[in-house]
PDB file of all heavy atoms in Angstrom:
ATOM      1  N   ALA A   1     -41.407  65.275 102.559  1.00  0.00           N
ATOM      2  CA  ALA A   1     -42.771  65.293 103.099  1.00  0.00           C
ATOM      3  C   ALA A   1     -43.817  65.357 101.996  1.00  0.00           C
ATOM      4  O   ALA A   1     -44.977  65.024 102.231  1.00  0.00           O
ATOM      5  CB  ALA A   1     -42.928  66.485 104.045  1.00  0.00           C
ATOM      6  N   HIS A   2     -43.453  65.768 100.795  1.00  0.00           N
ATOM      7  CA  HIS A   2     -44.433  65.883  99.720  1.00  0.00           C
ATOM      8  C   HIS A   2     -43.768  65.502  98.410  1.00  0.00           C
ATOM      9  O   HIS A   2     -42.550  65.275  98.341  1.00  0.00           O
ATOM     10  CB  HIS A   2     -44.994  67.314  99.641  1.00  0.00           C
ATOM     11  CG  HIS A   2     -43.937  68.372  99.645  1.00  0.00           C
ATOM     12  ND1 HIS A   2     -43.142  68.640  98.563  1.00  0.00           N
ATOM     13  CD2 HIS A   2     -43.524  69.210 100.646  1.00  0.00           C
ATOM     14  CE1 HIS A   2     -42.293  69.611  98.854  1.00  0.00           C
ATOM     15  NE2 HIS A   2     -42.491  69.971 100.115  1.00  0.00           N
ATOM     16  N   ALA A   3     -44.574  65.405  97.366  1.00  0.00           N
ATOM     17  CA  ALA A   3     -44.061  64.996  96.066  1.00  0.00           C
ATOM     18  C   ALA A   3     -43.030  65.986  95.566  1.00  0.00           C
ATOM     19  O   ALA A   3     -43.051  67.172  95.890  1.00  0.00           O
ATOM     20  CB  ALA A   3     -45.225  64.878  95.081  1.00  0.00           C
ATOM     21  N   VAL A   4     -42.112  65.470  94.758  1.00  0.00           N
ATOM     22  CA  VAL A   4     -41.045  66.316  94.240  1.00  0.00           C
ATOM     23  C   VAL A   4     -41.503  67.049  92.997  1.00  0.00           C
ATOM     24  O   VAL A   4     -42.462  66.668  92.326  1.00  0.00           O
ATOM     25  CB  VAL A   4     -39.798  65.477  93.912  1.00  0.00           C
ATOM     26  CG1 VAL A   4     -39.281  64.777  95.148  1.00  0.00           C
ATOM     27  CG2 VAL A   4     -40.094  64.472  92.809  1.00  0.00           C
ATOM     28  N   ILE A   5     -40.819  68.117  92.683  1.00  0.00           N
ATOM     29  CA  ILE A   5     -41.023  68.830  91.428  1.00  0.00           C
ATOM     30  C   ILE A   5     -40.578  67.914  90.297  1.00  0.00           C
ATOM     31  O   ILE A   5     -39.567  67.223  90.401  1.00  0.00           O
ATOM     32  CB  ILE A   5     -40.227  70.141  91.415  1.00  0.00           C
ATOM     33  CG1 ILE A   5     -40.728  71.068  92.528  1.00  0.00           C
ATOM     34  CG2 ILE A   5     -40.280  70.818  90.066  1.00  0.00           C
ATOM     35  CD1 ILE A   5     -39.822  72.262  92.795  1.00  0.00           C
ATOM     36  N   SER A   6     -41.328  67.901  89.221  1.00  0.00           N
ATOM     37  CA  SER A   6     -40.960  67.036  88.096  1.00  0.00           C
ATOM     38  C   SER A   6     -41.006  67.818  86.793  1.00  0.00           C
ATOM     39  O   SER A   6     -41.888  68.655  86.571  1.00  0.00           O
ATOM     40  CB  SER A   6     -41.888  65.826  88.017  1.00  0.00           C
ATOM     41  OG  SER A   6     -43.230  66.221  87.783  1.00  0.00           O
ATOM     42  N   TYR A   7     -40.018  67.525  85.956  1.00  0.00           N
ATOM     43  CA  TYR A   7     -39.947  68.125  84.626  1.00  0.00           C
ATOM     44  C   TYR A   7     -39.999  67.017  83.587  1.00  0.00           C
ATOM     45  O   TYR A   7     -39.482  65.912  83.796  1.00  0.00           O
ATOM     46  CB  TYR A   7     -38.626  68.882  84.445  1.00  0.00           C
ATOM     47  CG  TYR A   7     -38.443  70.091  85.337  1.00  0.00           C
ATOM     48  CD1 TYR A   7     -37.766  69.985  86.544  1.00  0.00           C
ATOM     49  CD2 TYR A   7     -38.935  71.332  84.948  1.00  0.00           C
ATOM     50  CE1 TYR A   7     -37.574  71.101  87.350  1.00  0.00           C
ATOM     51  CE2 TYR A   7     -38.744  72.459  85.744  1.00  0.00           C
ATOM     52  CZ  TYR A   7     -38.067  72.332  86.947  1.00  0.00           C
ATOM     53  OH  TYR A   7     -37.883  73.438  87.740  1.00  0.00           O
ATOM     54  N   SER A   8     -40.577  67.325  82.460  1.00  0.00           N
ATOM     55  CA  SER A   8     -40.526  66.409  81.326  1.00  0.00           C
ATOM     56  C   SER A   8     -40.348  67.231  80.058  1.00  0.00           C
ATOM     57  O   SER A   8     -40.777  68.385  79.976  1.00  0.00           O
ATOM     58  CB  SER A   8     -41.805  65.564  81.238  1.00  0.00           C
ATOM     59  OG  SER A   8     -42.936  66.393  81.006  1.00  0.00           O
ATOM     60  N   ILE A   9     -39.694  66.642  79.082  1.00  0.00           N
ATOM     61  CA  ILE A   9     -39.498  67.310  77.804  1.00  0.00           C
ATOM     62  C   ILE A   9     -39.680  66.292  76.689  1.00  0.00           C
ATOM     63  O   ILE A   9     -39.087  65.204  76.718  1.00  0.00           O
ATOM     64  CB  ILE A   9     -38.116  67.997  77.735  1.00  0.00           C
ATOM     65  CG1 ILE A   9     -37.931  68.710  76.391  1.00  0.00           C
ATOM     66  CG2 ILE A   9     -36.988  67.023  78.021  1.00  0.00           C
ATOM     67  CD1 ILE A   9     -36.740  69.662  76.369  1.00  0.00           C
ATOM     68  N   ASP A  10     -40.530  66.629  75.760  1.00  0.00           N
ATOM     69  CA  ASP A  10     -40.833  65.761  74.625  1.00  0.00           C
ATOM     70  C   ASP A  10     -39.949  66.151  73.448  1.00  0.00           C
ATOM     71  O   ASP A  10     -40.122  67.218  72.853  1.00  0.00           O
ATOM     72  CB  ASP A  10     -42.320  65.898  74.268  1.00  0.00           C
ATOM     73  CG  ASP A  10     -42.764  64.890  73.221  1.00  0.00           C
ATOM     74  OD1 ASP A  10     -41.888  64.299  72.542  1.00  0.00           O
ATOM     75  OD2 ASP A  10     -43.985  64.689  73.066  1.00  0.00           O
ATOM     76  N   LEU A  11     -39.013  65.258  73.121  1.00  0.00           N
ATOM     77  CA  LEU A  11     -38.077  65.494  72.025  1.00  0.00           C
ATOM     78  C   LEU A  11     -38.343  64.542  70.854  1.00  0.00           C
ATOM     79  O   LEU A  11     -37.472  64.304  70.024  1.00  0.00           O
ATOM     80  CB  LEU A  11     -36.640  65.282  72.515  1.00  0.00           C
ATOM     81  CG  LEU A  11     -36.166  66.227  73.626  1.00  0.00           C
ATOM     82  CD1 LEU A  11     -34.946  65.641  74.334  1.00  0.00           C
ATOM     83  CD2 LEU A  11     -35.849  67.599  73.066  1.00  0.00           C
ATOM     84  N   SER A  12     -39.560  64.023  70.774  1.00  0.00           N
ATOM     85  CA  SER A  12     -39.861  62.974  69.798  1.00  0.00           C
ATOM     86  C   SER A  12     -39.946  63.482  68.367  1.00  0.00           C
ATOM     87  O   SER A  12     -39.922  62.685  67.422  1.00  0.00           O
ATOM     88  CB  SER A  12     -41.175  62.271  70.170  1.00  0.00           C
ATOM     89  OG  SER A  12     -42.244  63.205  70.244  1.00  0.00           O
ATOM     90  N   ALA A  13     -40.055  64.784  68.159  1.00  0.00           N
ATOM     91  CA  ALA A  13     -40.081  65.360  66.806  1.00  0.00           C
ATOM     92  C   ALA A  13     -39.106  66.528  66.762  1.00  0.00           C
ATOM     93  O   ALA A  13     -39.507  67.696  66.769  1.00  0.00           O
ATOM     94  CB  ALA A  13     -41.494  65.807  66.439  1.00  0.00           C
ATOM     95  N   PRO A  14     -37.789  66.237  66.711  1.00  0.00           N
ATOM     96  CA  PRO A  14     -36.779  67.279  66.907  1.00  0.00           C
ATOM     97  C   PRO A  14     -36.337  68.019  65.651  1.00  0.00           C
ATOM     98  O   PRO A  14     -35.501  68.913  65.741  1.00  0.00           O
ATOM     99  CB  PRO A  14     -35.609  66.477  67.466  1.00  0.00           C
ATOM    100  CG  PRO A  14     -35.718  65.160  66.764  1.00  0.00           C
ATOM    101  CD  PRO A  14     -37.191  64.893  66.603  1.00  0.00           C
ATOM    102  N   GLU A  15     -36.863  67.668  64.492  1.00  0.00           N
ATOM    103  CA  GLU A  15     -36.314  68.166  63.232  1.00  0.00           C
ATOM    104  C   GLU A  15     -36.273  69.679  63.133  1.00  0.00           C
ATOM    105  O   GLU A  15     -35.368  70.258  62.523  1.00  0.00           O
ATOM    106  CB  GLU A  15     -37.103  67.600  62.040  1.00  0.00           C
ATOM    107  CG  GLU A  15     -36.946  66.093  61.856  1.00  0.00           C
ATOM    108  CD  GLU A  15     -37.883  65.306  62.762  1.00  0.00           C
ATOM    109  OE1 GLU A  15     -38.687  65.944  63.504  1.00  0.00           O
ATOM    110  OE2 GLU A  15     -37.815  64.068  62.759  1.00  0.00           O
ATOM    111  N   HIS A  16     -37.252  70.357  63.697  1.00  0.00           N
ATOM    112  CA  HIS A  16     -37.351  71.812  63.570  1.00  0.00           C
ATOM    113  C   HIS A  16     -36.912  72.533  64.842  1.00  0.00           C
ATOM    114  O   HIS A  16     -37.340  73.658  65.104  1.00  0.00           O
ATOM    115  CB  HIS A  16     -38.772  72.214  63.178  1.00  0.00           C
ATOM    116  CG  HIS A  16     -39.203  71.656  61.857  1.00  0.00           C
ATOM    117  ND1 HIS A  16     -38.658  72.064  60.665  1.00  0.00           N
ATOM    118  CD2 HIS A  16     -40.094  70.678  61.552  1.00  0.00           C
ATOM    119  CE1 HIS A  16     -39.207  71.397  59.668  1.00  0.00           C
ATOM    120  NE2 HIS A  16     -40.078  70.541  60.176  1.00  0.00           N
ATOM    121  N   HIS A  17     -36.064  71.889  65.636  1.00  0.00           N
ATOM    122  CA  HIS A  17     -35.483  72.479  66.847  1.00  0.00           C
ATOM    123  C   HIS A  17     -36.533  72.757  67.927  1.00  0.00           C
ATOM    124  O   HIS A  17     -36.315  73.595  68.801  1.00  0.00           O
ATOM    125  CB  HIS A  17     -34.750  73.793  66.529  1.00  0.00           C
ATOM    126  CG  HIS A  17     -33.840  73.719  65.352  1.00  0.00           C
ATOM    127  ND1 HIS A  17     -32.736  72.909  65.312  1.00  0.00           N
ATOM    128  CD2 HIS A  17     -33.884  74.359  64.155  1.00  0.00           C
ATOM    129  CE1 HIS A  17     -32.118  73.054  64.147  1.00  0.00           C
ATOM    130  NE2 HIS A  17     -32.802  73.922  63.429  1.00  0.00           N
ATOM    131  N   LEU A  18     -37.660  72.033  67.885  1.00  0.00           N
ATOM    132  CA  LEU A  18     -38.753  72.303  68.813  1.00  0.00           C
ATOM    133  C   LEU A  18     -38.963  71.147  69.793  1.00  0.00           C
ATOM    134  O   LEU A  18     -38.720  69.979  69.467  1.00  0.00           O
ATOM    135  CB  LEU A  18     -40.055  72.550  68.057  1.00  0.00           C
ATOM    136  CG  LEU A  18     -40.096  73.777  67.141  1.00  0.00           C
ATOM    137  CD1 LEU A  18     -41.396  73.800  66.343  1.00  0.00           C
ATOM    138  CD2 LEU A  18     -39.950  75.056  67.962  1.00  0.00           C
ATOM    139  N   ALA A  19     -39.412  71.498  70.987  1.00  0.00           N
ATOM    140  CA  ALA A  19     -39.758  70.510  72.001  1.00  0.00           C
ATOM    141  C   ALA A  19     -40.911  71.055  72.834  1.00  0.00           C
ATOM    142  O   ALA A  19     -41.224  72.258  72.792  1.00  0.00           O
ATOM    143  CB  ALA A  19     -38.568  70.200  72.895  1.00  0.00           C
ATOM    144  N   ARG A  20     -41.561  70.166  73.573  1.00  0.00           N
ATOM    145  CA  ARG A  20     -42.607  70.584  74.506  1.00  0.00           C
ATOM    146  C   ARG A  20     -42.126  70.291  75.910  1.00  0.00           C
ATOM    147  O   ARG A  20     -41.716  69.175  76.235  1.00  0.00           O
ATOM    148  CB  ARG A  20     -43.908  69.837  74.231  1.00  0.00           C
ATOM    149  CG  ARG A  20     -45.108  70.367  75.023  1.00  0.00           C
ATOM    150  CD  ARG A  20     -45.554  71.719  74.519  1.00  0.00           C
ATOM    151  NE  ARG A  20     -46.574  72.328  75.390  1.00  0.00           N
ATOM    152  CZ  ARG A  20     -47.076  73.537  75.215  1.00  0.00           C
ATOM    153  NH1 ARG A  20     -46.651  74.266  74.173  1.00  0.00           N
ATOM    154  NH2 ARG A  20     -47.972  74.039  76.024  1.00  0.00           N
ATOM    155  N   VAL A  21     -42.112  71.324  76.773  1.00  0.00           N
ATOM    156  CA  VAL A  21     -41.620  71.214  78.142  1.00  0.00           C
ATOM    157  C   VAL A  21     -42.791  71.297  79.107  1.00  0.00           C
ATOM    158  O   VAL A  21     -43.716  72.101  78.916  1.00  0.00           O
ATOM    159  CB  VAL A  21     -40.603  72.328  78.461  1.00  0.00           C
ATOM    160  CG1 VAL A  21     -40.123  72.230  79.906  1.00  0.00           C
ATOM    161  CG2 VAL A  21     -39.425  72.267  77.491  1.00  0.00           C
ATOM    162  N   GLU A  22     -42.723  70.466  80.138  1.00  0.00           N
ATOM    163  CA  GLU A  22     -43.744  70.524  81.189  1.00  0.00           C
ATOM    164  C   GLU A  22     -43.055  70.514  82.537  1.00  0.00           C
ATOM    165  O   GLU A  22     -42.111  69.747  82.768  1.00  0.00           O
ATOM    166  CB  GLU A  22     -44.688  69.327  81.069  1.00  0.00           C
ATOM    167  CG  GLU A  22     -45.843  69.355  82.055  1.00  0.00           C
ATOM    168  CD  GLU A  22     -46.844  68.254  81.785  1.00  0.00           C
ATOM    169  OE1 GLU A  22     -47.631  68.397  80.818  1.00  0.00           O
ATOM    170  OE2 GLU A  22     -46.820  67.241  82.514  1.00  0.00           O
ATOM    171  N   ALA A  23     -43.505  71.398  83.415  1.00  0.00           N
ATOM    172  CA  ALA A  23     -42.959  71.482  84.773  1.00  0.00           C
ATOM    173  C   ALA A  23     -44.113  71.372  85.758  1.00  0.00           C
ATOM    174  O   ALA A  23     -45.056  72.177  85.719  1.00  0.00           O
ATOM    175  CB  ALA A  23     -42.218  72.801  84.979  1.00  0.00           C
ATOM    176  N   HIS A  24     -44.041  70.364  86.627  1.00  0.00           N
ATOM    177  CA  HIS A  24     -45.117  70.112  87.587  1.00  0.00           C
ATOM    178  C   HIS A  24     -44.647  70.489  88.987  1.00  0.00           C
ATOM    179  O   HIS A  24     -43.660  69.946  89.495  1.00  0.00           O
ATOM    180  CB  HIS A  24     -45.526  68.642  87.544  1.00  0.00           C
ATOM    181  CG  HIS A  24     -46.627  68.306  88.506  1.00  0.00           C
ATOM    182  ND1 HIS A  24     -47.940  68.648  88.270  1.00  0.00           N
ATOM    183  CD2 HIS A  24     -46.604  67.673  89.707  1.00  0.00           C
ATOM    184  CE1 HIS A  24     -48.686  68.230  89.277  1.00  0.00           C
ATOM    185  NE2 HIS A  24     -47.894  67.635  90.168  1.00  0.00           N
ATOM    186  N   PHE A  25     -45.364  71.445  89.608  1.00  0.00           N
ATOM    187  CA  PHE A  25     -45.054  71.914  90.954  1.00  0.00           C
ATOM    188  C   PHE A  25     -46.179  71.471  91.887  1.00  0.00           C
ATOM    189  O   PHE A  25     -47.296  72.007  91.820  1.00  0.00           O
ATOM    190  CB  PHE A  25     -44.926  73.432  90.986  1.00  0.00           C
ATOM    191  CG  PHE A  25     -43.834  73.967  90.103  1.00  0.00           C
ATOM    192  CD1 PHE A  25     -44.099  74.331  88.786  1.00  0.00           C
ATOM    193  CD2 PHE A  25     -42.537  74.099  90.576  1.00  0.00           C
ATOM    194  CE1 PHE A  25     -43.103  74.824  87.969  1.00  0.00           C
ATOM    195  CE2 PHE A  25     -41.531  74.592  89.763  1.00  0.00           C
ATOM    196  CZ  PHE A  25     -41.810  74.949  88.447  1.00  0.00           C
ATOM    197  N   PRO A  26     -45.935  70.480  92.757  1.00  0.00           N
ATOM    198  CA  PRO A  26     -47.003  69.996  93.640  1.00  0.00           C
ATOM    199  C   PRO A  26     -47.253  70.930  94.824  1.00  0.00           C
ATOM    200  O   PRO A  26     -46.381  71.711  95.223  1.00  0.00           O
ATOM    201  CB  PRO A  26     -46.448  68.655  94.115  1.00  0.00           C
ATOM    202  CG  PRO A  26     -44.964  68.836  94.077  1.00  0.00           C
ATOM    203  CD  PRO A  26     -44.679  69.732  92.907  1.00  0.00           C
ATOM    204  N   ALA A  27     -48.454  70.855  95.343  1.00  0.00           N
ATOM    205  CA  ALA A  27     -48.818  71.504  96.603  1.00  0.00           C
ATOM    206  C   ALA A  27     -48.481  72.989  96.645  1.00  0.00           C
ATOM    207  O   ALA A  27     -47.778  73.474  97.532  1.00  0.00           O
ATOM    208  CB  ALA A  27     -48.155  70.774  97.771  1.00  0.00           C
ATOM    209  N   VAL A  28     -48.985  73.727  95.674  1.00  0.00           N
ATOM    210  CA  VAL A  28     -48.827  75.175  95.669  1.00  0.00           C
ATOM    211  C   VAL A  28     -49.933  75.771  96.548  1.00  0.00           C
ATOM    212  O   VAL A  28     -51.104  75.395  96.426  1.00  0.00           O
ATOM    213  CB  VAL A  28     -48.925  75.734  94.237  1.00  0.00           C
ATOM    214  CG1 VAL A  28     -48.913  77.254  94.241  1.00  0.00           C
ATOM    215  CG2 VAL A  28     -47.791  75.171  93.384  1.00  0.00           C
ATOM    216  N   ASP A  29     -49.578  76.691  97.440  1.00  0.00           N
ATOM    217  CA  ASP A  29     -50.595  77.289  98.307  1.00  0.00           C
ATOM    218  C   ASP A  29     -51.483  78.238  97.502  1.00  0.00           C
ATOM    219  O   ASP A  29     -51.331  78.374  96.281  1.00  0.00           O
ATOM    220  CB  ASP A  29     -49.951  77.999  99.506  1.00  0.00           C
ATOM    221  CG  ASP A  29     -48.987  79.101  99.085  1.00  0.00           C
ATOM    222  OD1 ASP A  29     -49.148  79.642  97.975  1.00  0.00           O
ATOM    223  OD2 ASP A  29     -48.074  79.419  99.874  1.00  0.00           O
ATOM    224  N   GLY A  30     -52.391  78.882  98.140  1.00  0.00           N
ATOM    225  CA  GLY A  30     -53.376  79.692  97.441  1.00  0.00           C
ATOM    226  C   GLY A  30     -52.878  81.041  96.972  1.00  0.00           C
ATOM    227  O   GLY A  30     -53.679  81.892  96.563  1.00  0.00           O
ATOM    228  N   LYS A  31     -51.588  81.272  97.023  1.00  0.00           N
ATOM    229  CA  LYS A  31     -51.053  82.564  96.613  1.00  0.00           C
ATOM    230  C   LYS A  31     -50.621  82.518  95.143  1.00  0.00           C
ATOM    231  O   LYS A  31     -50.417  81.451  94.579  1.00  0.00           O
ATOM    232  CB  LYS A  31     -49.866  82.950  97.496  1.00  0.00           C
ATOM    233  CG  LYS A  31     -50.205  83.070  98.979  1.00  0.00           C
ATOM    234  CD  LYS A  31     -48.963  83.383  99.799  1.00  0.00           C
ATOM    235  CE  LYS A  31     -49.276  83.436 101.278  1.00  0.00           C
ATOM    236  NZ  LYS A  31     -48.056  83.710 102.105  1.00  0.00           N
ATOM    237  N   ASP A  32     -50.465  83.701  94.560  1.00  0.00           N
ATOM    238  CA  ASP A  32     -49.960  83.748  93.190  1.00  0.00           C
ATOM    239  C   ASP A  32     -48.598  83.063  93.125  1.00  0.00           C
ATOM    240  O   ASP A  32     -47.798  83.127  94.063  1.00  0.00           O
ATOM    241  CB  ASP A  32     -49.846  85.186  92.705  1.00  0.00           C
ATOM    242  CG  ASP A  32     -51.215  85.796  92.398  1.00  0.00           C
ATOM    243  OD1 ASP A  32     -52.202  85.036  92.398  1.00  0.00           O
ATOM    244  OD2 ASP A  32     -51.282  87.011  92.170  1.00  0.00           O
ATOM    245  N   PHE A  33     -48.352  82.417  91.993  1.00  0.00           N
ATOM    246  CA  PHE A  33     -47.188  81.558  91.842  1.00  0.00           C
ATOM    247  C   PHE A  33     -46.317  82.075  90.698  1.00  0.00           C
ATOM    248  O   PHE A  33     -46.799  82.303  89.586  1.00  0.00           O
ATOM    249  CB  PHE A  33     -47.650  80.127  91.561  1.00  0.00           C
ATOM    250  CG  PHE A  33     -46.562  79.098  91.612  1.00  0.00           C
ATOM    251  CD1 PHE A  33     -45.978  78.731  92.823  1.00  0.00           C
ATOM    252  CD2 PHE A  33     -46.122  78.478  90.452  1.00  0.00           C
ATOM    253  CE1 PHE A  33     -44.991  77.764  92.878  1.00  0.00           C
ATOM    254  CE2 PHE A  33     -45.131  77.513  90.491  1.00  0.00           C
ATOM    255  CZ  PHE A  33     -44.558  77.153  91.711  1.00  0.00           C
ATOM    256  N   LYS A  34     -45.049  82.262  90.968  1.00  0.00           N
ATOM    257  CA  LYS A  34     -44.133  82.826  89.977  1.00  0.00           C
ATOM    258  C   LYS A  34     -43.180  81.758  89.480  1.00  0.00           C
ATOM    259  O   LYS A  34     -42.647  80.966  90.255  1.00  0.00           O
ATOM    260  CB  LYS A  34     -43.345  83.985  90.614  1.00  0.00           C
ATOM    261  CG  LYS A  34     -42.335  84.655  89.693  1.00  0.00           C
ATOM    262  CD  LYS A  34     -41.733  85.895  90.337  1.00  0.00           C
ATOM    263  CE  LYS A  34     -40.896  85.556  91.550  1.00  0.00           C
ATOM    264  NZ  LYS A  34     -40.220  86.753  92.111  1.00  0.00           N
ATOM    265  N   VAL A  35     -42.936  81.748  88.161  1.00  0.00           N
ATOM    266  CA  VAL A  35     -41.894  80.892  87.602  1.00  0.00           C
ATOM    267  C   VAL A  35     -40.951  81.757  86.783  1.00  0.00           C
ATOM    268  O   VAL A  35     -41.359  82.740  86.165  1.00  0.00           O
ATOM    269  CB  VAL A  35     -42.457  79.745  86.738  1.00  0.00           C
ATOM    270  CG1 VAL A  35     -43.253  78.774  87.591  1.00  0.00           C
ATOM    271  CG2 VAL A  35     -43.290  80.265  85.585  1.00  0.00           C
ATOM    272  N   ASN A  36     -39.692  81.376  86.808  1.00  0.00           N
ATOM    273  CA  ASN A  36     -38.648  82.131  86.108  1.00  0.00           C
ATOM    274  C   ASN A  36     -37.851  81.227  85.180  1.00  0.00           C
ATOM    275  O   ASN A  36     -37.678  80.034  85.455  1.00  0.00           O
ATOM    276  CB  ASN A  36     -37.678  82.764  87.103  1.00  0.00           C
ATOM    277  CG  ASN A  36     -38.321  83.838  87.945  1.00  0.00           C
ATOM    278  OD1 ASN A  36     -38.724  83.591  89.079  1.00  0.00           O
ATOM    279  ND2 ASN A  36     -38.411  85.034  87.412  1.00  0.00           N
ATOM    280  N   LEU A  37     -37.367  81.814  84.112  1.00  0.00           N
ATOM    281  CA  LEU A  37     -36.326  81.207  83.302  1.00  0.00           C
ATOM    282  C   LEU A  37     -35.114  82.109  83.443  1.00  0.00           C
ATOM    283  O   LEU A  37     -35.236  83.336  83.293  1.00  0.00           O
ATOM    284  CB  LEU A  37     -36.737  81.103  81.835  1.00  0.00           C
ATOM    285  CG  LEU A  37     -35.852  80.200  80.958  1.00  0.00           C
ATOM    286  CD1 LEU A  37     -36.026  78.740  81.362  1.00  0.00           C
ATOM    287  CD2 LEU A  37     -36.167  80.379  79.488  1.00  0.00           C
ATOM    288  N   PRO A  38     -33.934  81.573  83.770  1.00  0.00           N
ATOM    289  CA  PRO A  38     -32.759  82.424  83.979  1.00  0.00           C
ATOM    290  C   PRO A  38     -32.495  83.348  82.795  1.00  0.00           C
ATOM    291  O   PRO A  38     -32.816  83.020  81.648  1.00  0.00           O
ATOM    292  CB  PRO A  38     -31.630  81.409  84.148  1.00  0.00           C
ATOM    293  CG  PRO A  38     -32.295  80.209  84.740  1.00  0.00           C
ATOM    294  CD  PRO A  38     -33.633  80.150  84.065  1.00  0.00           C
ATOM    295  N   VAL A  39     -31.877  84.486  83.094  1.00  0.00           N
ATOM    296  CA  VAL A  39     -31.518  85.432  82.036  1.00  0.00           C
ATOM    297  C   VAL A  39     -30.039  85.315  81.682  1.00  0.00           C
ATOM    298  O   VAL A  39     -29.520  86.085  80.883  1.00  0.00           O
ATOM    299  CB  VAL A  39     -31.863  86.885  82.443  1.00  0.00           C
ATOM    300  CG1 VAL A  39     -33.351  87.026  82.700  1.00  0.00           C
ATOM    301  CG2 VAL A  39     -31.051  87.323  83.662  1.00  0.00           C
ATOM    302  N   TRP A  40     -29.331  84.360  82.273  1.00  0.00           N
ATOM    303  CA  TRP A  40     -27.947  84.062  81.932  1.00  0.00           C
ATOM    304  C   TRP A  40     -27.692  82.622  82.320  1.00  0.00           C
ATOM    305  O   TRP A  40     -28.473  82.009  83.038  1.00  0.00           O
ATOM    306  CB  TRP A  40     -26.963  85.000  82.630  1.00  0.00           C
ATOM    307  CG  TRP A  40     -26.915  84.898  84.135  1.00  0.00           C
ATOM    308  CD1 TRP A  40     -27.846  85.375  85.029  1.00  0.00           C
ATOM    309  CD2 TRP A  40     -25.895  84.262  84.922  1.00  0.00           C
ATOM    310  NE1 TRP A  40     -27.464  85.094  86.312  1.00  0.00           N
ATOM    311  CE2 TRP A  40     -26.270  84.409  86.283  1.00  0.00           C
ATOM    312  CE3 TRP A  40     -24.708  83.600  84.625  1.00  0.00           C
ATOM    313  CZ2 TRP A  40     -25.502  83.916  87.332  1.00  0.00           C
ATOM    314  CZ3 TRP A  40     -23.937  83.107  85.660  1.00  0.00           C
ATOM    315  CH2 TRP A  40     -24.335  83.269  86.998  1.00  0.00           C
ATOM    316  N   ARG A  41     -26.599  82.094  81.809  1.00  0.00           N
ATOM    317  CA  ARG A  41     -26.223  80.735  82.201  1.00  0.00           C
ATOM    318  C   ARG A  41     -24.863  80.758  82.878  1.00  0.00           C
ATOM    319  O   ARG A  41     -24.029  81.626  82.612  1.00  0.00           O
ATOM    320  CB  ARG A  41     -26.204  79.798  80.995  1.00  0.00           C
ATOM    321  CG  ARG A  41     -25.134  80.114  79.976  1.00  0.00           C
ATOM    322  CD  ARG A  41     -24.706  78.851  79.244  1.00  0.00           C
ATOM    323  NE  ARG A  41     -23.781  79.131  78.156  1.00  0.00           N
ATOM    324  CZ  ARG A  41     -22.478  79.333  78.288  1.00  0.00           C
ATOM    325  NH1 ARG A  41     -21.951  79.366  79.502  1.00  0.00           N
ATOM    326  NH2 ARG A  41     -21.708  79.545  77.237  1.00  0.00           N
TER     327      ARG A  41
END
């Protein structure tokens, strides 16, 4: 019914183990929004 969540990661300059990550969450309601990164794999 709505756009999907999308992730992108820029790995164009990888020499120093660095990247830029972007996460797009569409249609967030007016409430505070929480994002998590797992604490284990």
